[in-house]
C-alpha atoms as a PDB file:
ATOM      1  CA  MET A   1     -30.229  11.618  -2.333  1.00  0.00           C
ATOM      2  CA  VAL A   2     -26.578  12.663  -2.300  1.00  0.00           C
ATOM      3  CA  LYS A   3     -25.482  14.375  -5.486  1.00  0.00           C
ATOM      4  CA  ALA A   4     -22.473  12.746  -7.146  1.00  0.00           C
ATOM      5  CA  GLN A   5     -19.389  14.910  -6.855  1.00  0.00           C
ATOM      6  CA  ARG A   6     -17.807  16.135 -10.021  1.00  0.00           C
ATOM      7  CA  GLY A   7     -14.365  14.687 -10.758  1.00  0.00           C
ATOM      8  CA  ILE A   8     -11.758  14.710 -13.505  1.00  0.00           C
ATOM      9  CA  HIS A   9     -12.643  12.054 -16.044  1.00  0.00           C
ATOM     10  CA  ALA A  10      -9.097  11.757 -17.408  1.00  0.00           C
ATOM     11  CA  MET A  11      -7.780  10.820 -13.957  1.00  0.00           C
ATOM     12  CA  GLU A  12     -10.460   8.161 -13.611  1.00  0.00           C
ATOM     13  CA  VAL A  13      -9.493   6.666 -16.963  1.00  0.00           C
ATOM     14  CA  GLY A  14      -5.835   6.704 -15.956  1.00  0.00           C
ATOM     15  CA  GLY A  15      -6.808   5.011 -12.712  1.00  0.00           C
ATOM     16  CA  GLU A  16      -8.559   2.251 -14.629  1.00  0.00           C
ATOM     17  CA  LEU A  17      -5.460   1.667 -16.746  1.00  0.00           C
ATOM     18  CA  LEU A  18      -3.352   1.439 -13.577  1.00  0.00           C
ATOM     19  CA  LYS A  19      -5.828  -1.048 -12.135  1.00  0.00           C
ATOM     20  CA  HIS A  20      -5.422  -3.253 -15.214  1.00  0.00           C
ATOM     21  CA  LEU A  21      -1.624  -3.068 -14.823  1.00  0.00           C
ATOM     22  CA  ALA A  22      -1.862  -4.017 -11.155  1.00  0.00           C
ATOM     23  CA  ASP A  23      -4.339  -6.851 -11.697  1.00  0.00           C
ATOM     24  CA  ALA A  24      -2.366  -8.400 -14.546  1.00  0.00           C
ATOM     25  CA  GLY A  25       0.561  -9.434 -12.370  1.00  0.00           C
ATOM     26  CA  GLN A  26       2.854  -9.113 -15.390  1.00  0.00           C
ATOM     27  CA  PRO A  27       3.834  -6.387 -17.887  1.00  0.00           C
ATOM     28  CA  LEU A  28       1.159  -5.633 -20.486  1.00  0.00           C
ATOM     29  CA  SER A  29       1.350  -4.451 -24.066  1.00  0.00           C
ATOM     30  CA  MET A  30      -0.566  -1.402 -25.255  1.00  0.00           C
ATOM     31  CA  ALA A  31      -2.801  -3.732 -27.261  1.00  0.00           C
ATOM     32  CA  ALA A  32      -3.666  -5.715 -24.135  1.00  0.00           C
ATOM     33  CA  LEU A  33      -4.451  -2.524 -22.229  1.00  0.00           C
ATOM     34  CA  SER A  34      -6.552  -1.278 -25.117  1.00  0.00           C
ATOM     35  CA  ALA A  35      -8.578  -4.485 -25.122  1.00  0.00           C
ATOM     36  CA  ALA A  36      -8.957  -4.552 -21.330  1.00  0.00           C
ATOM     37  CA  SER A  37     -10.056  -0.911 -21.093  1.00  0.00           C
ATOM     38  CA  ASP A  38     -12.073  -0.806 -24.336  1.00  0.00           C
ATOM     39  CA  LEU A  39     -10.143   2.279 -25.422  1.00  0.00           C
ATOM     40  CA  PRO A  40      -8.521   2.908 -28.828  1.00  0.00           C
ATOM     41  CA  LEU A  41      -4.761   2.410 -29.016  1.00  0.00           C
ATOM     42  CA  ASN A  42      -3.964   6.066 -29.651  1.00  0.00           C
ATOM     43  CA  GLN A  43      -5.858   7.095 -26.517  1.00  0.00           C
ATOM     44  CA  VAL A  44      -4.151   4.408 -24.405  1.00  0.00           C
ATOM     45  CA  PHE A  45      -0.793   5.632 -25.703  1.00  0.00           C
ATOM     46  CA  THR A  46      -1.551   9.235 -24.648  1.00  0.00           C
ATOM     47  CA  TYR A  47      -2.480   8.160 -21.131  1.00  0.00           C
ATOM     48  CA  LEU A  48       0.560   5.929 -20.814  1.00  0.00           C
ATOM     49  CA  VAL A  49       2.901   8.780 -21.787  1.00  0.00           C
ATOM     50  CA  SER A  50       1.617  10.784 -18.803  1.00  0.00           C
ATOM     51  CA  LEU A  51       1.578   7.796 -16.441  1.00  0.00           C
ATOM     52  CA  VAL A  52       5.203   7.030 -17.286  1.00  0.00           C
ATOM     53  CA  ARG A  53       6.209  10.681 -16.848  1.00  0.00           C
ATOM     54  CA  THR A  54       4.700  10.762 -13.356  1.00  0.00           C
ATOM     55  CA  GLY A  55       6.273   7.425 -12.362  1.00  0.00           C
ATOM     56  CA  LEU A  56       2.930   5.689 -11.942  1.00  0.00           C
ATOM     57  CA  ALA A  57       3.780   3.374 -14.827  1.00  0.00           C
ATOM     58  CA  ARG A  58       7.005   2.059 -16.294  1.00  0.00           C
ATOM     59  CA  ARG A  59       7.784   1.046 -19.884  1.00  0.00           C
ATOM     60  CA  ASP A  60      10.280  -1.753 -20.404  1.00  0.00           C
ATOM     61  CA  PRO A  61      12.707  -0.515 -23.083  1.00  0.00           C
ATOM     62  CA  MET A  62      13.301  -4.051 -24.359  1.00  0.00           C
ATOM     63  CA  THR A  63       9.775  -5.485 -24.524  1.00  0.00           C
ATOM     64  CA  HIS A  64       7.879  -2.153 -24.788  1.00  0.00           C
ATOM     65  CA  ARG A  65       5.411  -3.527 -22.235  1.00  0.00           C
ATOM     66  CA  TYR A  66       4.065  -1.566 -19.278  1.00  0.00           C
ATOM     67  CA  GLU A  67       3.925  -2.245 -15.545  1.00  0.00           C
ATOM     68  CA  PRO A  68       3.398  -0.210 -12.351  1.00  0.00           C
ATOM     69  CA  GLY A  69       6.184   2.334 -11.907  1.00  0.00           C
ATOM     70  CA  PRO A  70       8.292   3.554  -8.973  1.00  0.00           C
ATOM     71  CA  LEU A  71       5.697   6.066  -7.739  1.00  0.00           C
ATOM     72  CA  ALA A  72       3.017   3.376  -7.786  1.00  0.00           C
ATOM     73  CA  MET A  73       5.308   1.162  -5.715  1.00  0.00           C
ATOM     74  CA  LYS A  74       5.962   3.957  -3.224  1.00  0.00           C
ATOM     75  CA  LEU A  75       2.254   4.641  -2.843  1.00  0.00           C
ATOM     76  CA  GLY A  76       1.606   0.926  -2.362  1.00  0.00           C
ATOM     77  CA  LEU A  77       4.263   0.664   0.350  1.00  0.00           C
ATOM     78  CA  HIS A  78       2.820   3.670   2.171  1.00  0.00           C
ATOM     79  CA  ALA A  79      -0.665   2.144   1.983  1.00  0.00           C
ATOM     80  CA  LEU A  80       0.641  -1.192   3.236  1.00  0.00           C
ATOM     81  CA  ALA A  81       2.318   0.518   6.181  1.00  0.00           C
ATOM     82  CA  GLN A  82      -1.029   1.973   7.285  1.00  0.00           C
ATOM     83  CA  LEU A  83      -2.524  -1.459   7.970  1.00  0.00           C
ATOM     84  CA  SER A  84      -3.284  -1.885  11.650  1.00  0.00           C
ATOM     85  CA  PRO A  85      -0.812  -4.723  12.436  1.00  0.00           C
ATOM     86  CA  LEU A  86       1.996  -2.821  10.734  1.00  0.00           C
ATOM     87  CA  ARG A  87       1.173   0.403  12.538  1.00  0.00           C
ATOM     88  CA  GLU A  88       1.304  -1.427  15.861  1.00  0.00           C
ATOM     89  CA  THR A  89       4.560  -3.160  14.944  1.00  0.00           C
ATOM     90  CA  PHE A  90       6.190   0.107  13.970  1.00  0.00           C
ATOM     91  CA  ARG A  91       4.859   1.951  17.012  1.00  0.00           C
ATOM     92  CA  ARG A  92       6.373  -0.655  19.311  1.00  0.00           C
ATOM     93  CA  ALA A  93       9.666  -0.832  17.402  1.00  0.00           C
ATOM     94  CA  ASN A  94       9.951   2.942  17.346  1.00  0.00           C
ATOM     95  CA  GLU A  95       9.362   3.142  21.109  1.00  0.00           C
ATOM     96  CA  LEU A  96      12.127   0.598  21.650  1.00  0.00           C
ATOM     97  CA  ALA A  97      14.548   2.515  19.433  1.00  0.00           C
ATOM     98  CA  LYS A  98      13.699   6.001  20.714  1.00  0.00           C
ATOM     99  CA  ALA A  99      14.323   4.963  24.323  1.00  0.00           C
ATOM    100  CA  ALA A 100      18.025   4.753  23.429  1.00  0.00           C
ATOM    101  CA  ASP A 101      17.976   7.464  20.728  1.00  0.00           C
ATOM    102  CA  HIS A 102      18.345   4.918  17.925  1.00  0.00           C
ATOM    103  CA  GLY A 103      16.563   4.533  14.589  1.00  0.00           C
ATOM    104  CA  ALA A 104      14.199   1.778  13.482  1.00  0.00           C
ATOM    105  CA  PHE A 105      12.623   0.500  10.297  1.00  0.00           C
ATOM    106  CA  ILE A 106      10.387  -2.309   9.097  1.00  0.00           C
ATOM    107  CA  ALA A 107      11.027  -4.184   5.855  1.00  0.00           C
ATOM    108  CA  ILE A 108       9.191  -6.767   3.781  1.00  0.00           C
ATOM    109  CA  TRP A 109      10.583  -9.109   1.141  1.00  0.00           C
ATOM    110  CA  THR A 110       9.890  -8.226  -2.499  1.00  0.00           C
ATOM    111  CA  ASP A 111      11.300  -9.585  -5.740  1.00  0.00           C
ATOM    112  CA  GLN A 112      13.931  -6.824  -5.529  1.00  0.00           C
ATOM    113  CA  GLY A 113      15.005  -7.816  -2.016  1.00  0.00           C
ATOM    114  CA  PRO A 114      14.313  -6.461   1.494  1.00  0.00           C
ATOM    115  CA  THR A 115      12.288  -3.285   1.034  1.00  0.00           C
ATOM    116  CA  VAL A 116      11.734  -0.615   3.701  1.00  0.00           C
ATOM    117  CA  ILE A 117       8.068   0.212   4.349  1.00  0.00           C
ATOM    118  CA  ARG A 118       8.350   2.277   7.563  1.00  0.00           C
ATOM    119  CA  TYR A 119      11.328   4.261   8.765  1.00  0.00           C
ATOM    120  CA  GLN A 120      12.196   6.597  11.618  1.00  0.00           C
ATOM    121  CA  CYS A 121      15.453   7.933  13.046  1.00  0.00           C
ATOM    122  CA  PRO A 122      16.556  10.806  15.287  1.00  0.00           C
ATOM    123  CA  ASP A 123      17.109  14.169  13.599  1.00  0.00           C
ATOM    124  CA  SER A 124      20.640  14.222  14.947  1.00  0.00           C
ATOM    125  CA  TYR A 125      21.708  11.222  12.844  1.00  0.00           C
ATOM    126  CA  MET A 126      23.925  11.572   9.840  1.00  0.00           C
ATOM    127  CA  HIS A 127      22.246  11.023   6.478  1.00  0.00           C
ATOM    128  CA  THR A 128      21.760   7.280   6.099  1.00  0.00           C
ATOM    129  CA  GLY A 129      20.117   7.211   2.687  1.00  0.00           C
ATOM    130  CA  LEU A 130      17.233   5.174   4.098  1.00  0.00           C
ATOM    131  CA  HIS A 131      13.686   5.930   2.977  1.00  0.00           C
ATOM    132  CA  VAL A 132      10.413   4.177   2.265  1.00  0.00           C
ATOM    133  CA  GLY A 133      11.020   1.990  -0.772  1.00  0.00           C
ATOM    134  CA  ALA A 134      14.768   1.639  -0.143  1.00  0.00           C
ATOM    135  CA  VAL A 135      16.028  -1.850  -1.003  1.00  0.00           C
ATOM    136  CA  MET A 136      18.580  -3.225   1.461  1.00  0.00           C
ATOM    137  CA  SER A 137      21.544  -5.383   0.514  1.00  0.00           C
ATOM    138  CA  VAL A 138      20.814  -9.080   0.988  1.00  0.00           C
ATOM    139  CA  ALA A 139      24.419  -9.989   1.812  1.00  0.00           C
ATOM    140  CA  HIS A 140      25.619  -6.883   3.633  1.00  0.00           C
ATOM    141  CA  SER A 141      22.721  -5.690   5.793  1.00  0.00           C
ATOM    142  CA  SER A 142      21.298  -7.284   8.921  1.00  0.00           C
ATOM    143  CA  THR A 143      17.836  -7.039   7.355  1.00  0.00           C
ATOM    144  CA  GLY A 144      18.959  -8.860   4.203  1.00  0.00           C
ATOM    145  CA  ARG A 145      20.784 -11.589   6.120  1.00  0.00           C
ATOM    146  CA  LEU A 146      17.711 -12.177   8.257  1.00  0.00           C
ATOM    147  CA  PHE A 147      15.479 -12.718   5.233  1.00  0.00           C
ATOM    148  CA  ALA A 148      18.172 -14.802   3.515  1.00  0.00           C
ATOM    149  CA  ALA A 149      18.341 -17.131   6.515  1.00  0.00           C
ATOM    150  CA  LEU A 150      14.588 -17.619   6.796  1.00  0.00           C
ATOM    151  CA  LEU A 151      13.424 -17.739   3.174  1.00  0.00           C
ATOM    152  CA  PRO A 152      13.891 -20.642   0.730  1.00  0.00           C
ATOM    153  CA  ARG A 153      17.422 -20.633  -0.700  1.00  0.00           C
ATOM    154  CA  HIS A 154      16.285 -20.300  -4.310  1.00  0.00           C
ATOM    155  CA  GLU A 155      14.536 -17.002  -3.505  1.00  0.00           C
ATOM    156  CA  VAL A 156      17.685 -15.315  -2.203  1.00  0.00           C
ATOM    157  CA  GLN A 157      20.685 -16.974  -3.892  1.00  0.00           C
ATOM    158  CA  ALA A 158      20.814 -14.790  -6.997  1.00  0.00           C
ATOM    159  CA  LEU A 159      20.466 -11.570  -5.014  1.00  0.00           C
ATOM    160  CA  TRP A 160      23.087 -12.751  -2.510  1.00  0.00           C
ATOM    161  CA  ASP A 161      25.544 -13.574  -5.289  1.00  0.00           C
ATOM    162  CA  ARG A 162      24.894 -10.204  -6.929  1.00  0.00           C
ATOM    163  CA  ASP A 163      25.635  -8.325  -3.700  1.00  0.00           C
ATOM    164  CA  VAL A 164      28.805 -10.321  -3.027  1.00  0.00           C
ATOM    165  CA  ALA A 165      30.019  -9.750  -6.587  1.00  0.00           C
ATOM    166  CA  LYS A 166      29.256  -6.032  -6.401  1.00  0.00           C
ATOM    167  CA  ARG A 167      31.323  -5.639  -3.240  1.00  0.00           C
ATOM    168  CA  ASP A 168      34.111  -8.171  -3.817  1.00  0.00           C
ATOM    169  CA  GLY A 169      34.396  -7.925  -7.580  1.00  0.00           C
ATOM    170  CA  GLU A 170      34.072 -11.678  -8.079  1.00  0.00           C
ATOM    171  CA  SER A 171      31.032 -13.664  -9.071  1.00  0.00           C
ATOM    172  CA  ASN A 172      30.860 -15.946  -6.036  1.00  0.00           C
ATOM    173  CA  SER A 173      34.256 -16.248  -4.386  1.00  0.00           C
ATOM    174  CA  GLY A 174      33.483 -18.106  -1.171  1.00  0.00           C
ATOM    175  CA  GLY A 175      29.888 -16.924  -1.453  1.00  0.00           C
ATOM    176  CA  ASP A 176      28.200 -20.244  -0.727  1.00  0.00           C
ATOM    177  CA  GLU A 177      30.426 -21.006   2.265  1.00  0.00           C
ATOM    178  CA  LEU A 178      29.885 -17.540   3.731  1.00  0.00           C
ATOM    179  CA  LEU A 179      26.154 -17.792   3.117  1.00  0.00           C
ATOM    180  CA  ASP A 180      25.933 -21.161   4.883  1.00  0.00           C
ATOM    181  CA  TYR A 181      27.976 -20.007   7.876  1.00  0.00           C
ATOM    182  CA  LEU A 182      26.202 -16.704   8.409  1.00  0.00           C
ATOM    183  CA  LEU A 183      22.693 -17.927   7.835  1.00  0.00           C
ATOM    184  CA  ARG A 184      22.999 -20.986  10.052  1.00  0.00           C
ATOM    185  CA  ASP A 185      23.905 -18.632  12.899  1.00  0.00           C
ATOM    186  CA  VAL A 186      21.016 -16.282  12.083  1.00  0.00           C
ATOM    187  CA  ARG A 187      18.505 -19.146  12.067  1.00  0.00           C
ATOM    188  CA  GLU A 188      19.693 -20.358  15.456  1.00  0.00           C
ATOM    189  CA  ARG A 189      19.587 -16.923  17.078  1.00  0.00           C
ATOM    190  CA  ARG A 190      16.612 -15.495  15.176  1.00  0.00           C
ATOM    191  CA  LEU A 191      18.740 -12.372  15.030  1.00  0.00           C
ATOM    192  CA  ALA A 192      21.056 -10.855  12.424  1.00  0.00           C
ATOM    193  CA  ARG A 193      23.502  -8.017  12.906  1.00  0.00           C
ATOM    194  CA  THR A 194      26.042  -6.026  10.923  1.00  0.00           C
ATOM    195  CA  MET A 195      28.728  -3.577  11.996  1.00  0.00           C
ATOM    196  CA  GLY A 196      29.477  -0.712   9.638  1.00  0.00           C
ATOM    197  CA  LEU A 197      27.573  -2.419   6.814  1.00  0.00           C
ATOM    198  CA  PRO A 198      26.069  -1.436   4.480  1.00  0.00           C
ATOM    199  CA  ILE A 199      26.422   2.103   5.900  1.00  0.00           C
ATOM    200  CA  PRO A 200      29.882   2.902   7.336  1.00  0.00           C
ATOM    201  CA  GLY A 201      29.694   3.949  10.964  1.00  0.00           C
ATOM    202  CA  ILE A 202      26.222   2.498  11.473  1.00  0.00           C
ATOM    203  CA  ASP A 203      25.558  -0.824  13.232  1.00  0.00           C
ATOM    204  CA  SER A 204      22.239  -2.637  13.112  1.00  0.00           C
ATOM    205  CA  ILE A 205      20.405  -5.641  14.493  1.00  0.00           C
ATOM    206  CA  SER A 206      17.290  -7.270  13.026  1.00  0.00           C
ATOM    207  CA  ALA A 207      14.671  -9.775  14.188  1.00  0.00           C
ATOM    208  CA  PRO A 208      11.763 -11.446  12.347  1.00  0.00           C
ATOM    209  CA  ILE A 209       8.013 -11.435  12.754  1.00  0.00           C
ATOM    210  CA  PHE A 210       6.415 -14.669  11.584  1.00  0.00           C
ATOM    211  CA  GLY A 211       2.976 -15.339  10.103  1.00  0.00           C
ATOM    212  CA  GLN A 212       0.487 -18.049  11.015  1.00  0.00           C
ATOM    213  CA  GLU A 213       2.225 -20.669   8.880  1.00  0.00           C
ATOM    214  CA  GLY A 214       5.655 -19.945  10.345  1.00  0.00           C
ATOM    215  CA  GLU A 215       6.840 -17.907   7.374  1.00  0.00           C
ATOM    216  CA  VAL A 216       8.802 -14.706   7.900  1.00  0.00           C
ATOM    217  CA  MET A 217       6.588 -11.721   7.140  1.00  0.00           C
ATOM    218  CA  LEU A 218       8.550  -8.716   8.395  1.00  0.00           C
ATOM    219  CA  ALA A 219      12.000  -7.755   9.568  1.00  0.00           C
ATOM    220  CA  VAL A 220      12.278  -5.214  12.367  1.00  0.00           C
ATOM    221  CA  THR A 221      15.646  -3.449  12.456  1.00  0.00           C
ATOM    222  CA  VAL A 222      17.128  -1.141  15.085  1.00  0.00           C
ATOM    223  CA  PHE A 223      20.236   0.838  14.098  1.00  0.00           C
ATOM    224  CA  GLY A 224      22.555   3.523  15.383  1.00  0.00           C
ATOM    225  CA  PRO A 225      26.093   4.923  15.290  1.00  0.00           C
ATOM    226  CA  THR A 226      28.746   2.329  16.102  1.00  0.00           C
ATOM    227  CA  ASN A 227      29.858   4.052  19.282  1.00  0.00           C
ATOM    228  CA  THR A 228      26.354   4.388  20.756  1.00  0.00           C
ATOM    229  CA  ILE A 229      24.397   1.208  19.962  1.00  0.00           C
ATOM    230  CA  ASP A 230      24.862  -2.128  21.707  1.00  0.00           C
ATOM    231  CA  ILE A 231      24.290  -4.988  19.267  1.00  0.00           C
ATOM    232  CA  ALA A 232      25.826  -7.746  21.389  1.00  0.00           C
ATOM    233  CA  TRP A 233      23.887 -10.996  21.085  1.00  0.00           C
ATOM    234  CA  ASP A 234      23.172 -10.907  24.811  1.00  0.00           C
ATOM    235  CA  GLY A 235      22.791  -7.121  25.005  1.00  0.00           C
ATOM    236  CA  GLU A 236      19.767  -5.071  25.968  1.00  0.00           C
ATOM    237  CA  THR A 237      18.880  -4.084  22.395  1.00  0.00           C
ATOM    238  CA  ALA A 238      18.904  -7.700  21.191  1.00  0.00           C
ATOM    239  CA  GLY A 239      16.863  -8.886  24.165  1.00  0.00           C
ATOM    240  CA  SER A 240      14.233  -6.171  23.807  1.00  0.00           C
ATOM    241  CA  LEU A 241      13.991  -6.641  20.041  1.00  0.00           C
ATOM    242  CA  LEU A 242      13.565 -10.413  20.345  1.00  0.00           C
ATOM    243  CA  ALA A 243      10.924 -10.025  23.043  1.00  0.00           C
ATOM    244  CA  LEU A 244       9.012  -7.584  20.836  1.00  0.00           C
ATOM    245  CA  THR A 245       9.096  -9.679  17.660  1.00  0.00           C
ATOM    246  CA  GLU A 246       8.277 -12.911  19.492  1.00  0.00           C
ATOM    247  CA  GLU A 247       5.285 -11.263  21.158  1.00  0.00           C
ATOM    248  CA  LEU A 248       3.969  -9.907  17.868  1.00  0.00           C
ATOM    249  CA  SER A 249       4.544 -13.250  16.125  1.00  0.00           C
ATOM    250  CA  GLU A 250       2.632 -15.028  18.880  1.00  0.00           C
ATOM    251  CA  ALA A 251      -0.242 -12.579  18.441  1.00  0.00           C
ATOM    252  CA  ASP A 252      -1.176 -14.859  15.515  1.00  0.00           C
ATOM    253  CA  LEU A 253      -1.837 -11.984  13.152  1.00  0.00           C
ATOM    254  CA  PRO A 254      -3.306 -13.192   9.840  1.00  0.00           C
ATOM    255  CA  VAL A 255      -1.002 -13.346   6.823  1.00  0.00           C
ATOM    256  CA  SER A 256      -3.488 -11.215   4.880  1.00  0.00           C
ATOM    257  CA  ALA A 257      -2.937  -8.388   7.360  1.00  0.00           C
ATOM    258  CA  TYR A 258       0.596  -8.000   6.020  1.00  0.00           C
ATOM    259  CA  THR A 259       0.044  -8.818   2.372  1.00  0.00           C
ATOM    260  CA  ALA A 260      -3.357  -7.297   1.595  1.00  0.00           C
END
């Protein structure tokens, strides 16, 4: 009989509180966490102070409710990226990018927008600010435009308008017309590209991977300095990227493989 290993009880209790936050699907009050964990309020409060300090939990200053924090999100994204279909997708995308000394990343759609879950670029590149957990602009990145073209309009409109307003200083000046024009083109090509946006001097091109029901699951993006990367619609990068994403989409990978 294997002897149970000794652990740190406080960490296990904190883990249980995090599990309740994750399972709830919505912010919870301290009273709700106390009831769910069968712990007194003062003890729940002590644990939450430490969980918030570490970034594993977040306290809404308006509602005083708790939800998983930025560190919990980062850990979740790293865990998601280790799933076999995602590892294969990134391996193939990285091979494509490295052949021309470019960078590559994979993003999923979250309620914050397109979120990077795997990322790689040559050491020689300038600092791009990209990292796991980075949220890309919906209106001004190739990744964001790809998702905007392929997701239901109501899921992206508010984020699109926010990005346009942030850049142009107006709430929606020409926003709907620009959205319609750009996204119609993206849907037809199954490709999106940007030049010098959102990072000056960096061009990028993105293509989708679809799930079994035809829904977009991932965006694969290849990027590089403007003077070195070819993002022409009929260029080598576009052709190779499309071939890759179409092959992986046709592999009929289960939706749960990306969302588990």
